């Protein structure tokens, strides 16, 4: 096999030579590409998939739970409980990051709603 750059069947330069790195010719490479099928869209909106509303409400509940856990950890730390300060800091930062992300998603949803509302028919 030659290691000089060649031009493959699609017209691009192949640094491994005409046959490619694995010795396949361009025709068999194209047959392999033709065998790739796009993913099926069956069941995308089926009974098993949660709705957007359910996903949004679940995310809000998760953020709320994270904030409550962080509050409990801070309270335990301040009352002299047996808790690692690094874990408390991590819990507070995770809750803060989750809340800020939720607010950004909310801002994007409100902006999209306002944009749709401004469409004139």
N, C-alpha and C. Protein backbone atom coordinates (compact mmCIF):
# COMPACT_ATOMS: atom_id res chain seq x y z
N UNK A 1 0.84 -1.17 0.00
CA UNK A 1 0.00 0.00 0.00
C UNK A 1 0.89 1.24 0.00
N UNK A 2 0.52 2.21 -0.81
CA UNK A 2 1.34 3.42 -0.89
C UNK A 2 0.89 4.40 0.18
N UNK A 3 1.84 5.15 0.71
CA UNK A 3 1.52 6.15 1.70
C UNK A 3 1.57 7.54 1.11
N UNK A 4 1.50 7.65 -0.20
CA UNK A 4 1.48 8.95 -0.84
C UNK A 4 0.04 9.42 -0.93
N UNK A 5 -0.18 10.70 -0.71
CA UNK A 5 -1.55 11.18 -0.78
C UNK A 5 -2.15 10.95 -2.16
N UNK A 6 -3.39 10.56 -2.18
CA UNK A 6 -4.09 10.34 -3.43
C UNK A 6 -5.43 11.05 -3.41
N UNK A 7 -6.16 10.94 -4.48
CA UNK A 7 -7.48 11.55 -4.55
C UNK A 7 -8.49 10.43 -4.47
N UNK A 8 -9.39 10.53 -3.50
CA UNK A 8 -10.38 9.46 -3.35
C UNK A 8 -11.52 9.64 -4.33
N UNK A 9 -12.48 8.73 -4.29
CA UNK A 9 -13.55 8.72 -5.29
C UNK A 9 -14.49 9.92 -5.16
N UNK A 10 -14.48 10.59 -4.01
CA UNK A 10 -15.35 11.75 -3.83
C UNK A 10 -14.65 13.03 -4.28
N UNK A 11 -13.37 12.94 -4.56
CA UNK A 11 -12.63 14.10 -5.03
C UNK A 11 -11.78 14.74 -3.96
N UNK A 12 -11.82 14.23 -2.75
CA UNK A 12 -11.01 14.78 -1.67
C UNK A 12 -9.65 14.13 -1.61
N UNK A 13 -8.71 14.79 -1.00
CA UNK A 13 -7.36 14.25 -0.87
C UNK A 13 -7.36 13.26 0.29
N UNK A 14 -6.83 12.07 0.03
CA UNK A 14 -6.74 11.03 1.03
C UNK A 14 -5.27 10.90 1.43
N UNK A 15 -4.90 11.23 2.66
CA UNK A 15 -3.49 11.19 3.05
C UNK A 15 -2.91 9.78 3.08
N UNK A 16 -3.74 8.74 3.03
CA UNK A 16 -3.28 7.36 3.09
C UNK A 16 -3.14 6.74 1.71
N UNK A 17 -3.28 7.49 0.69
CA UNK A 17 -3.21 6.94 -0.65
C UNK A 17 -4.60 6.70 -1.21
N UNK A 18 -4.66 6.17 -2.41
CA UNK A 18 -5.94 5.97 -3.09
C UNK A 18 -6.79 4.95 -2.36
N UNK A 19 -6.18 3.93 -1.81
CA UNK A 19 -6.94 2.86 -1.17
C UNK A 19 -7.41 3.19 0.22
N UNK A 20 -6.89 4.22 0.86
CA UNK A 20 -7.29 4.55 2.22
C UNK A 20 -6.42 3.84 3.23
N UNK A 21 -6.64 4.11 4.49
CA UNK A 21 -5.83 3.53 5.55
C UNK A 21 -6.08 2.05 5.70
N UNK A 22 -7.28 1.61 5.43
CA UNK A 22 -7.60 0.20 5.62
C UNK A 22 -7.64 -0.57 4.31
N UNK A 23 -7.19 0.03 3.22
CA UNK A 23 -7.09 -0.67 1.95
C UNK A 23 -8.40 -0.76 1.19
N UNK A 24 -9.45 -0.10 1.65
CA UNK A 24 -10.72 -0.13 0.92
C UNK A 24 -10.66 0.83 -0.25
N UNK A 25 -11.33 0.47 -1.30
CA UNK A 25 -11.38 1.40 -2.42
C UNK A 25 -12.56 2.35 -2.24
N UNK A 26 -12.63 3.37 -3.07
CA UNK A 26 -13.67 4.38 -2.93
C UNK A 26 -15.06 3.82 -3.11
N UNK A 27 -15.25 2.82 -3.97
CA UNK A 27 -16.58 2.27 -4.21
C UNK A 27 -17.12 1.58 -2.97
N UNK A 28 -16.30 0.82 -2.27
CA UNK A 28 -16.80 0.15 -1.07
C UNK A 28 -17.03 1.15 0.05
N UNK A 29 -16.24 2.23 0.08
CA UNK A 29 -16.49 3.27 1.07
C UNK A 29 -17.84 3.94 0.81
N UNK A 30 -18.16 4.18 -0.44
CA UNK A 30 -19.44 4.79 -0.77
C UNK A 30 -20.60 3.85 -0.44
N UNK A 31 -20.41 2.55 -0.67
CA UNK A 31 -21.47 1.60 -0.33
C UNK A 31 -21.73 1.62 1.17
N UNK A 32 -20.68 1.76 1.95
CA UNK A 32 -20.83 1.84 3.40
C UNK A 32 -21.60 3.08 3.81
N UNK A 33 -21.35 4.20 3.11
CA UNK A 33 -22.08 5.42 3.41
C UNK A 33 -23.55 5.30 3.03
N UNK A 34 -23.83 4.59 1.92
CA UNK A 34 -25.21 4.42 1.50
C UNK A 34 -25.99 3.53 2.46
N UNK A 35 -25.29 2.66 3.19
CA UNK A 35 -25.97 1.76 4.12
C UNK A 35 -26.41 2.47 5.40
N UNK A 36 -25.88 3.66 5.66
CA UNK A 36 -26.25 4.40 6.86
C UNK A 36 -27.66 4.96 6.67
N UNK A 37 -28.53 4.66 7.60
CA UNK A 37 -29.91 5.13 7.54
C UNK A 37 -30.12 6.20 8.61
N UNK A 38 -30.96 7.19 8.33
CA UNK A 38 -31.25 8.19 9.36
C UNK A 38 -32.03 7.54 10.49
N UNK A 39 -31.94 8.11 11.69
CA UNK A 39 -32.65 7.53 12.82
C UNK A 39 -34.16 7.58 12.61
N UNK A 40 -34.81 6.58 13.12
CA UNK A 40 -36.26 6.48 12.98
C UNK A 40 -36.93 7.47 13.91
N UNK A 41 -38.01 8.04 13.46
CA UNK A 41 -38.77 8.99 14.27
C UNK A 41 -39.98 8.33 14.91
N UNK A 42 -40.05 7.00 14.86
CA UNK A 42 -41.16 6.29 15.47
C UNK A 42 -41.11 6.46 16.98
N UNK A 43 -42.22 6.77 17.57
CA UNK A 43 -42.32 6.86 19.02
C UNK A 43 -41.72 8.11 19.61
N UNK A 44 -41.43 9.13 18.80
CA UNK A 44 -40.85 10.35 19.34
C UNK A 44 -41.83 11.03 20.27
N UNK A 45 -43.07 11.08 19.92
CA UNK A 45 -44.09 11.70 20.75
C UNK A 45 -45.08 10.64 21.21
N UNK A 46 -44.58 9.51 21.61
CA UNK A 46 -45.42 8.40 22.03
C UNK A 46 -45.92 8.58 23.46
N UNK A 47 -46.55 7.57 23.94
CA UNK A 47 -47.11 7.58 25.28
C UNK A 47 -46.00 7.59 26.33
N UNK A 48 -44.87 6.95 26.04
CA UNK A 48 -43.81 6.83 27.02
C UNK A 48 -43.02 8.11 27.21
N UNK A 49 -43.00 8.99 26.22
CA UNK A 49 -42.19 10.20 26.34
C UNK A 49 -42.95 11.27 27.14
N UNK A 50 -42.24 11.92 28.09
CA UNK A 50 -42.90 12.95 28.88
C UNK A 50 -43.13 14.21 28.04
N UNK A 51 -44.13 14.95 28.41
CA UNK A 51 -44.40 16.20 27.68
C UNK A 51 -43.42 17.28 28.13
N UNK A 52 -43.39 18.35 27.39
CA UNK A 52 -42.50 19.47 27.72
C UNK A 52 -42.86 20.03 29.08
N UNK A 53 -44.15 20.10 29.35
CA UNK A 53 -44.62 20.61 30.64
C UNK A 53 -44.11 19.74 31.78
N UNK A 54 -44.19 18.42 31.61
CA UNK A 54 -43.73 17.50 32.65
C UNK A 54 -42.23 17.63 32.87
N UNK A 55 -41.48 17.74 31.78
CA UNK A 55 -40.03 17.90 31.90
C UNK A 55 -39.68 19.21 32.61
N UNK A 56 -40.40 20.28 32.29
CA UNK A 56 -40.15 21.57 32.91
C UNK A 56 -40.48 21.54 34.40
N UNK A 57 -41.62 20.96 34.74
CA UNK A 57 -42.01 20.87 36.15
C UNK A 57 -41.04 19.99 36.94
N UNK A 58 -40.59 18.90 36.34
CA UNK A 58 -39.63 18.02 37.00
C UNK A 58 -38.31 18.76 37.24
N UNK A 59 -37.88 19.55 36.28
CA UNK A 59 -36.64 20.32 36.44
C UNK A 59 -36.78 21.35 37.55
N UNK A 60 -37.92 21.99 37.63
CA UNK A 60 -38.15 22.98 38.68
C UNK A 60 -38.14 22.31 40.05
N UNK A 61 -38.74 21.13 40.14
CA UNK A 61 -38.73 20.39 41.41
C UNK A 61 -37.32 19.98 41.80
N UNK A 62 -36.50 19.57 40.82
CA UNK A 62 -35.11 19.20 41.11
C UNK A 62 -34.32 20.39 41.62
N UNK A 63 -34.51 21.56 41.01
CA UNK A 63 -33.81 22.77 41.46
C UNK A 63 -34.26 23.13 42.86
N UNK A 64 -35.55 23.02 43.13
CA UNK A 64 -36.07 23.31 44.46
C UNK A 64 -35.48 22.36 45.50
N UNK A 65 -35.40 21.09 45.16
CA UNK A 65 -34.82 20.10 46.07
C UNK A 65 -33.35 20.41 46.34
N UNK A 66 -32.62 20.81 45.31
CA UNK A 66 -31.21 21.16 45.49
C UNK A 66 -31.07 22.35 46.43
N UNK A 67 -31.94 23.34 46.29
CA UNK A 67 -31.88 24.51 47.16
C UNK A 67 -32.23 24.15 48.60
N UNK A 68 -33.23 23.30 48.79
CA UNK A 68 -33.60 22.87 50.13
C UNK A 68 -32.47 22.08 50.79
N UNK A 69 -31.83 21.20 50.02
CA UNK A 69 -30.70 20.43 50.55
C UNK A 69 -29.55 21.35 50.95
N UNK A 70 -29.27 22.35 50.12
CA UNK A 70 -28.20 23.29 50.43
C UNK A 70 -28.54 24.10 51.68
N UNK A 71 -29.80 24.51 51.81
CA UNK A 71 -30.22 25.25 53.01
C UNK A 71 -30.06 24.41 54.27
N UNK A 72 -30.46 23.13 54.18
CA UNK A 72 -30.31 22.23 55.33
C UNK A 72 -28.84 22.04 55.69
N UNK A 73 -27.98 21.93 54.69
CA UNK A 73 -26.55 21.75 54.94
C UNK A 73 -25.95 22.99 55.60
N UNK A 74 -26.35 24.17 55.16
CA UNK A 74 -25.85 25.41 55.75
C UNK A 74 -26.34 25.52 57.20
N UNK A 75 -27.61 25.20 57.41
CA UNK A 75 -28.17 25.24 58.76
C UNK A 75 -27.44 24.27 59.68
N UNK A 76 -27.15 23.08 59.19
CA UNK A 76 -26.43 22.09 59.98
C UNK A 76 -25.02 22.57 60.31
N UNK A 77 -24.37 23.21 59.34
CA UNK A 77 -23.03 23.73 59.56
C UNK A 77 -23.03 24.83 60.62
N UNK A 78 -24.01 25.73 60.55
CA UNK A 78 -24.07 26.85 61.49
C UNK A 78 -24.47 26.42 62.89
N UNK A 79 -25.23 25.36 63.02
CA UNK A 79 -25.64 24.90 64.35
C UNK A 79 -24.61 23.95 64.95
N UNK A 80 -23.49 23.74 64.28
CA UNK A 80 -22.42 22.93 64.83
C UNK A 80 -22.57 21.46 64.55
N UNK A 81 -23.36 21.10 63.56
CA UNK A 81 -23.55 19.70 63.20
C UNK A 81 -22.30 19.12 62.56
N UNK A 82 -22.30 17.81 62.44
CA UNK A 82 -21.16 17.10 61.86
C UNK A 82 -21.31 17.06 60.35
N UNK A 83 -20.82 18.11 59.69
CA UNK A 83 -20.90 18.19 58.23
C UNK A 83 -19.61 18.81 57.71
N UNK A 84 -19.18 18.35 56.56
CA UNK A 84 -17.95 18.83 55.95
C UNK A 84 -18.23 20.18 55.27
N UNK A 85 -17.46 21.22 55.62
CA UNK A 85 -17.69 22.55 55.00
C UNK A 85 -17.53 22.53 53.48
N UNK A 86 -16.66 21.70 52.97
CA UNK A 86 -16.48 21.62 51.52
C UNK A 86 -17.74 21.07 50.85
N UNK A 87 -18.38 20.10 51.48
CA UNK A 87 -19.63 19.55 50.94
C UNK A 87 -20.74 20.59 50.97
N UNK A 88 -20.77 21.40 52.03
CA UNK A 88 -21.77 22.47 52.12
C UNK A 88 -21.55 23.48 51.01
N UNK A 89 -20.32 23.87 50.81
CA UNK A 89 -20.00 24.83 49.76
C UNK A 89 -20.37 24.27 48.39
N UNK A 90 -20.07 23.01 48.16
CA UNK A 90 -20.41 22.37 46.89
C UNK A 90 -21.91 22.33 46.68
N UNK A 91 -22.66 21.99 47.72
CA UNK A 91 -24.12 21.93 47.61
C UNK A 91 -24.70 23.31 47.31
N UNK A 92 -24.17 24.34 47.96
CA UNK A 92 -24.65 25.71 47.73
C UNK A 92 -24.33 26.15 46.31
N UNK A 93 -23.13 25.85 45.83
CA UNK A 93 -22.76 26.24 44.48
C UNK A 93 -23.57 25.49 43.43
N UNK A 94 -23.84 24.20 43.65
CA UNK A 94 -24.66 23.45 42.71
C UNK A 94 -26.07 24.00 42.65
N UNK A 95 -26.63 24.33 43.83
CA UNK A 95 -27.98 24.90 43.87
C UNK A 95 -28.02 26.26 43.18
N UNK A 96 -27.00 27.06 43.39
CA UNK A 96 -26.94 28.39 42.77
C UNK A 96 -26.82 28.27 41.25
N UNK A 97 -25.96 27.38 40.79
CA UNK A 97 -25.80 27.19 39.35
C UNK A 97 -27.09 26.66 38.71
N UNK A 98 -27.74 25.72 39.37
CA UNK A 98 -29.00 25.17 38.84
C UNK A 98 -30.07 26.26 38.78
N UNK A 99 -30.13 27.10 39.81
CA UNK A 99 -31.13 28.17 39.82
C UNK A 99 -30.86 29.19 38.72
N UNK A 100 -29.58 29.56 38.54
CA UNK A 100 -29.26 30.52 37.48
C UNK A 100 -29.55 29.95 36.10
N UNK A 101 -29.28 28.65 35.92
CA UNK A 101 -29.60 28.01 34.64
C UNK A 101 -31.10 28.02 34.41
N UNK A 102 -31.87 27.71 35.45
CA UNK A 102 -33.33 27.72 35.33
C UNK A 102 -33.84 29.12 34.96
N UNK A 103 -33.24 30.14 35.54
CA UNK A 103 -33.66 31.50 35.22
C UNK A 103 -33.32 31.86 33.77
N UNK A 104 -32.19 31.38 33.26
CA UNK A 104 -31.85 31.64 31.87
C UNK A 104 -32.83 30.94 30.93
N UNK A 105 -33.21 29.72 31.28
CA UNK A 105 -34.20 29.01 30.46
C UNK A 105 -35.52 29.74 30.50
N UNK A 106 -35.91 30.22 31.67
CA UNK A 106 -37.15 30.99 31.79
C UNK A 106 -37.08 32.24 30.94
N UNK A 107 -35.95 32.94 30.97
CA UNK A 107 -35.81 34.16 30.17
C UNK A 107 -35.92 33.86 28.67
N UNK A 108 -35.32 32.75 28.24
CA UNK A 108 -35.41 32.36 26.83
C UNK A 108 -36.84 32.01 26.44
N UNK A 109 -37.55 31.32 27.33
CA UNK A 109 -38.94 30.97 27.04
C UNK A 109 -39.83 32.22 26.97
N UNK A 110 -39.61 33.16 27.87
CA UNK A 110 -40.39 34.40 27.85
C UNK A 110 -40.08 35.19 26.59
N UNK A 111 -38.81 35.25 26.21
CA UNK A 111 -38.44 35.98 24.99
C UNK A 111 -39.07 35.32 23.76
N UNK A 112 -39.07 33.99 23.71
CA UNK A 112 -39.69 33.28 22.58
C UNK A 112 -41.19 33.54 22.55
N UNK A 113 -41.83 33.52 23.73
CA UNK A 113 -43.26 33.79 23.80
C UNK A 113 -43.57 35.20 23.31
N UNK A 114 -42.78 36.17 23.75
CA UNK A 114 -43.01 37.56 23.33
C UNK A 114 -42.79 37.72 21.83
N UNK A 115 -41.80 37.02 21.28
CA UNK A 115 -41.54 37.09 19.85
C UNK A 115 -42.71 36.50 19.06
N UNK A 116 -43.22 35.38 19.54
CA UNK A 116 -44.39 34.78 18.87
C UNK A 116 -45.60 35.68 19.01
N UNK A 117 -45.76 36.31 20.15
CA UNK A 117 -46.89 37.20 20.38
C UNK A 117 -46.84 38.43 19.47
N UNK A 118 -45.66 38.85 19.10
CA UNK A 118 -45.51 40.03 18.23
C UNK A 118 -45.65 39.73 16.75
N UNK A 119 -45.83 38.45 16.40
CA UNK A 119 -46.00 38.12 14.99
C UNK A 119 -47.37 38.63 14.54
N UNK A 120 -47.37 39.35 13.45
CA UNK A 120 -48.62 39.89 12.90
C UNK A 120 -49.13 38.95 11.81
N UNK A 121 -50.41 38.69 11.86
CA UNK A 121 -50.99 37.82 10.84
C UNK A 121 -51.72 38.66 9.81
